[in-house]
Protein backbone atom coordinates (compact mmCIF):
# COMPACT_ATOMS: atom_id res chain seq x y z
CA MET A 1 0.00 0.00 0.00
CA ASN A 2 1.27 3.51 -0.85
CA LYS A 3 2.84 5.04 2.26
CA VAL A 4 0.87 8.29 1.97
CA ILE A 5 -2.43 6.39 1.65
CA TYR A 6 -1.47 4.22 4.62
CA PHE A 7 -0.70 7.33 6.64
CA SER A 8 -4.05 8.89 5.73
CA LEU A 9 -5.85 5.79 6.97
CA PHE A 10 -3.81 5.88 10.17
CA VAL A 11 -4.77 9.52 10.71
CA LEU A 12 -8.47 8.70 10.32
CA ILE A 13 -8.17 5.95 12.93
CA LEU A 14 -6.16 8.18 15.27
CA THR A 15 -8.65 11.02 14.91
CA ALA A 16 -11.57 8.70 15.63
CA CYS A 17 -10.00 7.67 18.93
CA GLU A 18 -9.89 9.84 22.00
CA GLN A 19 -6.16 10.31 22.47
CA THR A 20 -5.26 11.15 26.04
CA PRO A 21 -2.52 13.78 26.46
CA LYS A 22 -0.76 11.58 29.02
CA GLY A 23 1.95 8.97 28.63
CA PRO A 24 4.21 8.38 25.65
CA LEU A 25 3.23 9.46 22.16
CA PRO A 26 2.25 6.72 19.70
CA LYS A 27 4.59 5.51 16.97
CA ILE A 28 3.01 6.44 13.65
CA GLY A 29 3.07 4.25 10.56
CA HIS A 30 2.97 0.58 9.72
CA LYS A 31 4.37 -2.05 12.08
CA GLU A 32 5.21 -5.72 11.76
CA LEU A 33 5.99 -8.58 14.06
CA VAL A 34 9.55 -9.91 13.71
CA GLY A 35 9.89 -12.92 15.96
CA THR A 36 8.54 -11.66 19.26
CA ASP A 37 9.42 -8.03 18.55
CA THR A 38 7.13 -5.36 17.12
CA VAL A 39 9.05 -3.35 14.54
CA TYR A 40 7.70 0.13 13.76
CA HIS A 41 8.19 2.27 10.67
CA THR A 42 11.43 4.25 10.80
CA ILE A 43 12.97 6.98 8.68
CA PRO A 44 15.71 5.29 6.63
CA ASP A 45 19.31 6.38 6.20
CA PHE A 46 19.84 9.43 4.04
CA SER A 47 22.63 11.68 2.82
CA PHE A 48 21.91 15.27 1.83
CA ILE A 49 23.78 18.59 1.76
CA ASN A 50 22.90 21.40 4.15
CA GLN A 51 22.99 25.17 3.67
CA GLU A 52 26.66 25.22 4.69
CA GLY A 53 27.61 22.70 2.04
CA VAL A 54 28.12 19.95 4.64
CA THR A 55 26.94 16.38 4.11
CA ILE A 56 24.22 15.50 6.63
CA THR A 57 23.21 11.93 7.46
CA GLN A 58 21.19 10.34 10.23
CA LYS A 59 24.38 10.33 12.33
CA GLU A 60 24.05 14.09 12.79
CA LEU A 61 20.54 13.59 14.19
CA ALA A 62 21.15 10.40 16.17
CA ASN A 63 21.00 12.03 19.60
CA HIS A 64 18.21 14.44 18.81
CA ILE A 65 14.49 14.59 18.25
CA TYR A 66 13.54 16.73 15.29
CA VAL A 67 10.70 18.24 13.31
CA SER A 68 10.77 17.90 9.55
CA ASP A 69 9.02 19.59 6.65
CA PHE A 70 9.27 19.84 2.84
CA PHE A 71 9.33 23.12 0.93
CA PHE A 72 11.04 25.08 -1.84
CA THR A 73 12.36 28.61 -1.66
CA ASN A 74 10.34 29.92 -4.64
CA CYS A 75 7.07 28.50 -3.30
CA PRO A 76 4.28 31.07 -3.75
CA SER A 77 1.59 29.17 -1.86
CA ILE A 78 1.79 27.28 1.45
CA CYS A 79 5.53 27.43 2.23
CA PRO A 80 5.52 30.90 3.85
CA LEU A 81 2.67 29.77 6.13
CA VAL A 82 4.50 26.57 7.07
CA LYS A 83 7.78 28.39 7.69
CA LYS A 84 5.98 30.78 10.03
CA GLN A 85 4.94 27.77 12.10
CA MET A 86 8.42 26.23 11.89
CA LEU A 87 9.72 29.52 13.28
CA ARG A 88 7.33 29.14 16.23
CA ILE A 89 8.96 25.79 16.93
CA TYR A 90 12.45 27.22 16.46
CA ASP A 91 11.78 30.12 18.82
CA LYS A 92 10.39 27.88 21.55
CA TYR A 93 13.21 25.31 21.43
CA GLU A 94 16.12 27.49 20.31
CA ASN A 95 17.90 26.81 23.60
CA GLN A 96 16.78 23.18 23.95
CA PRO A 97 19.76 21.12 22.67
CA LEU A 98 17.69 17.96 22.23
CA VAL A 99 15.54 19.50 19.47
CA LYS A 100 16.51 20.22 15.86
CA LEU A 101 14.59 21.31 12.78
CA VAL A 102 15.07 19.79 9.31
CA SER A 103 13.65 21.30 6.11
CA HIS A 104 14.04 19.41 2.83
CA THR A 105 13.74 21.21 -0.49
CA ILE A 106 11.75 19.54 -3.25
CA ASP A 107 13.38 21.80 -5.87
CA PRO A 108 17.07 20.86 -5.65
CA VAL A 109 17.88 22.27 -9.09
CA ARG A 110 17.26 25.82 -7.92
CA ASP A 111 17.70 25.32 -4.19
CA THR A 112 21.47 24.98 -4.04
CA PRO A 113 23.31 25.12 -0.69
CA GLU A 114 24.15 28.76 -1.45
CA LYS A 115 20.50 29.64 -2.02
CA LEU A 116 19.42 27.74 1.09
CA ASN A 117 22.09 29.59 3.07
CA LYS A 118 20.64 32.93 2.00
CA TYR A 119 17.15 31.67 2.83
CA ALA A 120 18.24 30.60 6.32
CA ALA A 121 20.05 33.89 6.83
CA ALA A 122 16.89 35.80 5.96
CA LEU A 123 15.09 33.82 8.66
CA ASP A 124 17.94 34.65 11.08
CA VAL A 125 18.27 31.06 12.33
CA ASP A 126 21.25 29.05 13.53
CA SER A 127 22.55 26.67 10.85
CA ASP A 128 23.36 23.96 13.39
CA LYS A 129 19.88 24.12 14.95
CA TRP A 130 17.89 24.26 11.72
CA LEU A 131 19.15 22.22 8.77
CA PHE A 132 18.02 23.10 5.24
CA LEU A 133 18.76 20.11 3.02
CA THR A 134 19.18 19.61 -0.72
CA GLY A 135 20.56 16.81 -2.86
CA ASP A 136 19.43 14.23 -5.39
CA LYS A 137 15.84 14.89 -6.46
CA GLU A 138 14.71 11.27 -6.41
CA ALA A 139 16.31 10.72 -3.01
CA LEU A 140 14.45 13.76 -1.67
CA TYR A 141 11.13 12.54 -3.07
CA ASP A 142 11.79 9.05 -1.72
CA ILE A 143 12.46 10.38 1.78
CA ALA A 144 9.29 12.50 1.58
CA ASP A 145 7.38 9.26 1.01
CA GLU A 146 8.97 7.82 4.16
CA TYR A 147 7.62 10.81 6.10
CA PHE A 148 4.18 10.18 4.50
CA VAL A 149 4.43 13.58 2.79
CA PRO A 150 3.39 13.77 -0.88
CA ALA A 151 5.88 15.75 -2.98
CA MET A 152 6.03 15.91 -6.77
CA GLU A 153 6.62 18.14 -9.75
CA ASP A 154 3.35 19.46 -11.15
CA PRO A 155 3.38 22.14 -13.88
CA GLY A 156 -0.18 23.03 -12.93
CA ALA A 157 0.59 23.69 -9.26
CA PRO A 158 1.74 27.08 -7.91
CA GLY A 159 5.50 27.29 -8.47
CA GLY A 160 5.52 23.99 -10.38
CA PHE A 161 5.48 21.64 -7.39
CA ASP A 162 2.73 19.96 -5.38
CA HIS A 163 3.48 19.04 -1.77
CA SER A 164 2.03 18.77 1.70
CA GLY A 165 2.54 21.28 4.48
CA LYS A 166 2.79 18.64 7.18
CA ILE A 167 5.38 19.05 9.92
CA MET A 168 6.48 15.70 11.33
CA LEU A 169 7.98 14.95 14.74
CA VAL A 170 10.67 12.23 14.83
CA ASP A 171 12.26 10.65 17.89
CA LYS A 172 15.84 9.50 18.54
CA ASN A 173 15.02 6.08 17.09
CA ARG A 174 13.73 7.56 13.80
CA HIS A 175 10.08 6.83 14.63
CA ILE A 176 7.47 9.40 13.64
CA ARG A 177 5.64 10.30 16.84
CA SER A 178 3.35 13.18 15.91
CA PHE A 179 2.55 15.65 13.12
CA GLY A 180 0.69 18.84 12.40
CA GLU A 181 -0.53 20.74 9.37
CA GLY A 182 1.85 23.65 8.97
CA THR A 183 -0.93 25.73 7.45
CA GLU A 184 -3.02 25.38 10.61
CA PRO A 185 -1.65 27.28 13.65
CA GLU A 186 -3.92 25.32 16.00
CA ASP A 187 -2.34 22.08 14.77
CA ILE A 188 1.11 23.39 15.59
CA THR A 189 -0.02 24.49 19.05
CA LYS A 190 -0.85 20.83 19.66
CA LEU A 191 2.43 19.74 18.07
CA LEU A 192 4.35 21.97 20.48
CA LYS A 193 2.70 20.11 23.35
CA ASP A 194 3.63 16.81 21.74
CA ILE A 195 7.24 17.95 21.42
CA ASP A 196 7.22 18.68 25.16
CA ARG A 197 5.84 15.19 25.79
CA LEU A 198 8.56 13.62 23.66
CA ILE A 199 11.26 15.63 25.42
CA ALA A 200 9.87 14.32 28.72
CA GLU A 201 10.38 10.74 27.50
CA TYR A 202 14.13 11.38 27.43
CA GLN A 203 14.40 13.04 30.82
C-alpha cells in the first residue's frame, strides 16, 4: 500500500479515537511482528547537503528529536505559512539542545546550498539548529514518502510543485511520533505540546 495512503488511513483511525494527552506518544506508521518483537516504521538512512555545504546523514541527528518539513524557496503558496509555524517551533526550542529542525527542499535544481544559506540567513536562524537540506531529487522525493508527505513536480501547481505542508515529529530512534498541518496554527499548538511530551520521554 502507498505510504501516503497508509498514513491517511492511520490519521483517520487516530482522529476517531480519543487520544489522552498523558503517557508516551504513539509511533506512527505501519508495524510488523519480527519474531517476538514489534518493529515500527522508521525513517531510513539518508545523505543530503545542508545550507553550509556539509553532508548530513542520520548520524548528525542520532542524539536528537527533530521536526521535519518539505518546501522550496520559490514556493508562492503554502511554504511561507509553514515556515511561520516552523519559526514558532524554532523560537520555543532554540535553547533546547535535544531539538533540531530539518527542512528538505523539493526543488534541488534551484535550491542549491548557497541559495538555502541565503534563505536561512533571511530567517535569522542558527545553521546547526535548523538544517536546510538539498541533494538528489529522487532521493528527496523518496524520503518524503517515508515521512508520509506527498511531494512531486506538477506544472499546474503554484510554483511547479505539489506538496504537503505537514510538519512531522521524529524521535531518537527515527520513529514518527506526531505531526501537524503547517498551514493550521492550532495544529502546531498541539504539536508543540507533543514535542514537550517527547522531550519528557528522554528526561
